[in-house]
N, C-alpha and C. Protein backbone atom coordinates (compact mmCIF):
# COMPACT_ATOMS: atom_id res chain seq x y z
N MET A 1 12.35 36.08 51.92
CA MET A 1 11.45 34.97 51.78
C MET A 1 11.69 33.99 52.91
N GLY A 2 10.64 33.28 53.25
CA GLY A 2 10.76 32.29 54.29
C GLY A 2 9.67 31.24 54.14
N PHE A 3 9.75 30.24 54.99
CA PHE A 3 8.77 29.16 54.97
C PHE A 3 8.39 28.89 56.41
N GLU A 4 7.09 29.03 56.72
CA GLU A 4 6.63 28.85 58.08
C GLU A 4 5.22 28.27 58.09
N ASP A 5 4.98 27.27 58.91
CA ASP A 5 3.65 26.65 59.03
C ASP A 5 3.09 26.25 57.66
N ALA A 6 3.92 25.61 56.83
CA ALA A 6 3.53 25.12 55.49
C ALA A 6 3.10 26.25 54.56
N THR A 7 3.64 27.46 54.77
CA THR A 7 3.30 28.61 53.94
C THR A 7 4.59 29.30 53.49
N LEU A 8 4.67 29.60 52.20
CA LEU A 8 5.79 30.37 51.64
C LEU A 8 5.49 31.84 51.86
N LEU A 9 6.45 32.56 52.46
CA LEU A 9 6.25 33.97 52.79
C LEU A 9 7.15 34.86 51.95
N ASP A 10 6.68 36.07 51.61
CA ASP A 10 7.54 37.02 50.92
C ASP A 10 8.45 37.71 51.94
N THR A 11 9.25 38.65 51.49
CA THR A 11 10.24 39.28 52.38
C THR A 11 9.61 40.10 53.50
N SER A 12 8.34 40.48 53.34
CA SER A 12 7.67 41.23 54.41
C SER A 12 6.90 40.31 55.35
N GLY A 13 6.91 38.99 55.07
CA GLY A 13 6.22 38.03 55.92
C GLY A 13 4.80 37.71 55.49
N SER A 14 4.37 38.28 54.36
CA SER A 14 3.02 37.99 53.84
C SER A 14 3.03 36.66 53.09
N PRO A 15 1.94 35.87 53.18
CA PRO A 15 1.89 34.58 52.50
C PRO A 15 1.87 34.73 50.97
N ILE A 16 2.65 33.87 50.30
CA ILE A 16 2.66 33.81 48.84
C ILE A 16 1.86 32.60 48.39
N SER A 17 2.11 31.47 49.00
CA SER A 17 1.37 30.24 48.69
C SER A 17 1.49 29.27 49.86
N HIS A 18 0.64 28.26 49.81
CA HIS A 18 0.62 27.23 50.85
C HIS A 18 1.10 25.91 50.28
N LEU A 19 1.57 25.04 51.14
CA LEU A 19 2.06 23.72 50.74
C LEU A 19 1.05 23.04 49.84
N GLY A 20 1.53 22.53 48.69
CA GLY A 20 0.67 21.83 47.74
C GLY A 20 0.21 22.70 46.59
N GLU A 21 0.33 24.03 46.71
CA GLU A 21 -0.05 24.93 45.62
C GLU A 21 1.10 25.07 44.63
N THR A 22 0.78 25.35 43.39
CA THR A 22 1.79 25.56 42.36
C THR A 22 2.15 27.04 42.32
N ILE A 23 3.48 27.32 42.28
CA ILE A 23 3.95 28.69 42.12
C ILE A 23 4.89 28.74 40.93
N ARG A 24 4.98 29.90 40.32
CA ARG A 24 5.86 30.09 39.16
C ARG A 24 6.74 31.30 39.40
N GLY A 25 8.01 31.19 39.01
CA GLY A 25 8.96 32.27 39.20
C GLY A 25 9.16 33.07 37.93
N GLY A 26 10.08 34.01 37.99
CA GLY A 26 10.37 34.85 36.85
C GLY A 26 11.20 34.16 35.79
N GLY A 27 11.17 34.69 34.59
CA GLY A 27 11.95 34.12 33.50
C GLY A 27 11.41 34.56 32.16
N GLY A 28 11.91 33.96 31.12
CA GLY A 28 11.45 34.30 29.78
C GLY A 28 12.22 33.55 28.73
N TYR A 29 11.88 33.81 27.48
CA TYR A 29 12.55 33.19 26.34
C TYR A 29 13.13 34.29 25.47
N PHE A 30 14.36 34.09 25.04
CA PHE A 30 15.04 35.07 24.20
C PHE A 30 15.74 34.34 23.05
N GLY A 31 15.75 34.93 21.88
CA GLY A 31 16.38 34.31 20.73
C GLY A 31 17.73 34.90 20.37
N GLU A 32 18.05 36.06 20.91
CA GLU A 32 19.27 36.75 20.50
C GLU A 32 20.43 36.46 21.46
N ARG A 33 21.47 35.86 20.95
CA ARG A 33 22.63 35.48 21.76
C ARG A 33 23.28 36.67 22.46
N GLY A 34 23.43 37.78 21.75
CA GLY A 34 24.08 38.96 22.32
C GLY A 34 23.34 39.48 23.54
N HIS A 35 22.02 39.45 23.49
CA HIS A 35 21.22 39.92 24.61
C HIS A 35 21.43 39.03 25.84
N ILE A 36 21.47 37.73 25.63
CA ILE A 36 21.67 36.79 26.73
C ILE A 36 23.07 36.94 27.31
N GLU A 37 24.07 37.11 26.46
CA GLU A 37 25.43 37.30 26.95
C GLU A 37 25.54 38.59 27.76
N GLU A 38 24.81 39.61 27.34
CA GLU A 38 24.82 40.86 28.09
C GLU A 38 24.18 40.67 29.47
N LEU A 39 23.06 39.95 29.53
CA LEU A 39 22.40 39.68 30.81
C LEU A 39 23.27 38.84 31.74
N SER A 40 23.96 37.85 31.17
CA SER A 40 24.75 36.93 31.99
C SER A 40 26.13 37.48 32.33
N GLY A 41 26.58 38.46 31.58
CA GLY A 41 27.89 39.03 31.84
C GLY A 41 29.04 38.18 31.32
N GLY A 42 28.75 37.24 30.42
CA GLY A 42 29.80 36.38 29.87
C GLY A 42 29.38 35.79 28.55
N SER A 43 30.31 35.10 27.92
CA SER A 43 30.01 34.49 26.63
C SER A 43 29.36 33.13 26.83
N ILE A 44 28.56 32.74 25.85
CA ILE A 44 27.86 31.45 25.89
C ILE A 44 28.58 30.51 24.93
N PRO A 45 28.96 29.32 25.39
CA PRO A 45 29.62 28.36 24.50
C PRO A 45 28.73 28.00 23.31
N ASP A 46 29.32 27.81 22.15
CA ASP A 46 28.56 27.49 20.94
C ASP A 46 27.64 26.28 21.14
N ARG A 47 28.09 25.29 21.90
CA ARG A 47 27.29 24.08 22.10
C ARG A 47 26.00 24.35 22.87
N CYS A 48 25.92 25.51 23.52
CA CYS A 48 24.74 25.86 24.32
C CYS A 48 23.80 26.83 23.62
N VAL A 49 24.13 27.21 22.40
CA VAL A 49 23.33 28.18 21.65
C VAL A 49 22.27 27.45 20.85
N PRO A 50 20.97 27.80 21.04
CA PRO A 50 19.91 27.14 20.29
C PRO A 50 19.93 27.57 18.82
N ASP A 51 19.30 26.76 17.98
CA ASP A 51 19.19 27.06 16.55
C ASP A 51 17.97 27.95 16.35
N VAL A 52 18.18 29.27 16.38
CA VAL A 52 17.06 30.20 16.27
C VAL A 52 16.40 30.15 14.90
N ARG A 53 17.10 29.60 13.90
CA ARG A 53 16.48 29.46 12.56
C ARG A 53 15.32 28.49 12.59
N ASN A 54 15.33 27.57 13.55
CA ASN A 54 14.24 26.59 13.70
C ASN A 54 13.23 27.02 14.76
N GLY A 55 13.33 28.25 15.23
CA GLY A 55 12.38 28.75 16.24
C GLY A 55 12.78 28.46 17.67
N ASP A 56 13.97 27.88 17.87
CA ASP A 56 14.44 27.63 19.24
C ASP A 56 14.82 28.95 19.89
N SER A 57 14.82 28.96 21.21
CA SER A 57 15.21 30.16 21.93
C SER A 57 15.85 29.78 23.26
N PHE A 58 16.51 30.75 23.87
CA PHE A 58 17.10 30.55 25.20
C PHE A 58 15.96 30.63 26.22
N ALA A 59 15.98 29.76 27.20
CA ALA A 59 15.04 29.85 28.32
C ALA A 59 15.81 30.41 29.50
N ILE A 60 15.36 31.50 30.04
CA ILE A 60 16.02 32.15 31.16
C ILE A 60 15.12 32.04 32.38
N ILE A 61 15.66 31.50 33.45
CA ILE A 61 14.91 31.39 34.70
C ILE A 61 15.77 32.02 35.78
N TYR A 62 15.16 32.84 36.60
CA TYR A 62 15.92 33.52 37.64
C TYR A 62 15.09 33.66 38.91
N ASP A 63 15.75 33.86 40.01
CA ASP A 63 15.13 34.06 41.31
C ASP A 63 14.12 32.97 41.66
N VAL A 64 14.45 31.73 41.39
CA VAL A 64 13.56 30.63 41.70
C VAL A 64 14.12 29.86 42.89
N GLU A 65 13.32 29.67 43.92
CA GLU A 65 13.71 28.90 45.09
C GLU A 65 12.58 27.92 45.39
N ALA A 66 12.90 26.75 45.90
CA ALA A 66 11.89 25.75 46.23
C ALA A 66 12.23 25.07 47.54
N GLY A 67 11.20 24.56 48.20
CA GLY A 67 11.41 23.77 49.39
C GLY A 67 10.63 24.32 50.55
N PRO A 68 10.70 23.69 51.66
CA PRO A 68 11.23 22.34 51.85
C PRO A 68 10.24 21.29 51.36
N PHE A 69 10.75 20.12 51.07
CA PHE A 69 9.93 19.02 50.59
C PHE A 69 9.75 17.98 51.69
N GLY A 70 8.75 17.13 51.53
CA GLY A 70 8.55 16.03 52.45
C GLY A 70 7.80 16.38 53.72
N LEU A 71 7.15 17.54 53.74
CA LEU A 71 6.37 17.89 54.92
C LEU A 71 5.06 17.12 54.91
N SER A 72 4.58 16.78 56.05
CA SER A 72 3.27 16.09 56.11
C SER A 72 2.26 16.95 56.80
């Protein structure tokens, strides 16, 4: 990925979006602690575990990059 002439480029150099456009990265929501610990490769502290009984879930975001900001 790169950024050139106010355009975000993919790894092959093709444009993904232009300055000022909204982009969204990968991610998802999961309710099962074991699945998240398996993905992360470690244990999750109890204080960080959502209350799935109330419909809460883990939000997982990955491969997200942003910038540069302040271009005119």
